[in-house]
Amino acid sequence: MANVADEEYVIEIEGLVNTVGAGTILHRDLDLHVRRDEVLSLVGGSGSGKTQLVRVILGLKRPAAGKVRVFGVSWEDPSAKKVRDARRRMGMLFQNGALYSALTVYDNIAFPLRERGGLDEDEIRGIVHTKLAQVELNPGHGKLLPANLSGGMVKRVSLARALALSPDLLILDEPTAGLDPDRSEGFVRLIKRLREDHRFAVVMVTHDLDTLFELTDRVAVLADQHIIACDTLAAVSGMDHKFVQNFFGGERGRRALQHG
C-alpha cells in the first residue's frame, strides 16, 4: 500500500459532471485537488450539492462524466483490491454521527475492524481502547449505547470509529453541527491535536465560520455548478462573488477573519 507521504494529492477530481433525478445537472466541469497533509474546507449554499460531491468522493455515487481518483485510484478501476485498499484509507464522520443504535460504543468502533478482518478480538480490543483514548474517552464508555450519549460524545465516538483503520484521509460532514459553543471548541481542539499527532488529510464540509477559521488550510467554494475558487481563506474571502460576500462578509465572518 502506498504511503500518503508519497502522494501529492489524495483526491483528484477533473471535469466532473454530476446529475440528480432524471438527469438534472448539479455539477458541471468541476475540478478539485486535495493535497496530502492539509485541511480543505468545502463551503457552498443550500442546494449547491456539497453532500452529492462528498458521495462522489466516497465512491457512493457514480458521476455522469469526469475523472475521480482517490489515492490515485479510480472507483471504476477493475482491480477490486485497489478499490478496497483505497476505501480503507478513508474515514468518514457523518453529520448526525450515524452510529448503529443497537450496538454499544465499543462495537461501533470495532465494526470496521471486524469488517476488514485479519485481527483477533484481543487485537481489536487494543485498537478500540486506543481510539477511545485518542478522542478523550475511557474504556468504560465502550459499554454505553448511543441513546445514552450526549451530542458531544456521539461526535467523539463517531470520530473514533472513523479513525479505527488509521486513515490517511478523514472526511468531516458538519463536524460541530448541533454542539454548543464550548463543545464545539473542544471538538475543534481535538481534531487539531489528532492531526498534529497523525498528519492525515481532511476534507471538511462546514458552514460554521469559527470551525472554518480554526482548522482550514484552504477553502473550496462550490457555486454556479462548480468550484469557483480554492485558495487560502484570506484570498477567497476577498472574492467579488455574491455567495462569498454573503458568507464571509457578515459580522461573524469579519470577526473570524480578524482573529484568524
Foldseek 3Di string as FASTA:
>chain_A
DDDLVVDQFQKWWAQFWAADDPGHTLAGGATDTHGALFEEEEEEDPSSCPVVVVCVQLVNDDTPDTFIHGNRHGCPDPDPVVNVVSNLQEFEQDPQLPFDQVAFLLCSLLVVVVVVDPDDPVVSVVLSQVLCVLLPHHPVSRRHGPVPDDSLVSLSSSVSSRCSSPHLEYEEEASCPPHDPVSSVVVLVSVVVVCVVRSHYYYYYHLDLLSCLSGHQWYFYRDPNYGPDIHGPVVQCPDPDDVSCVSQVDPVNVVSVVVD
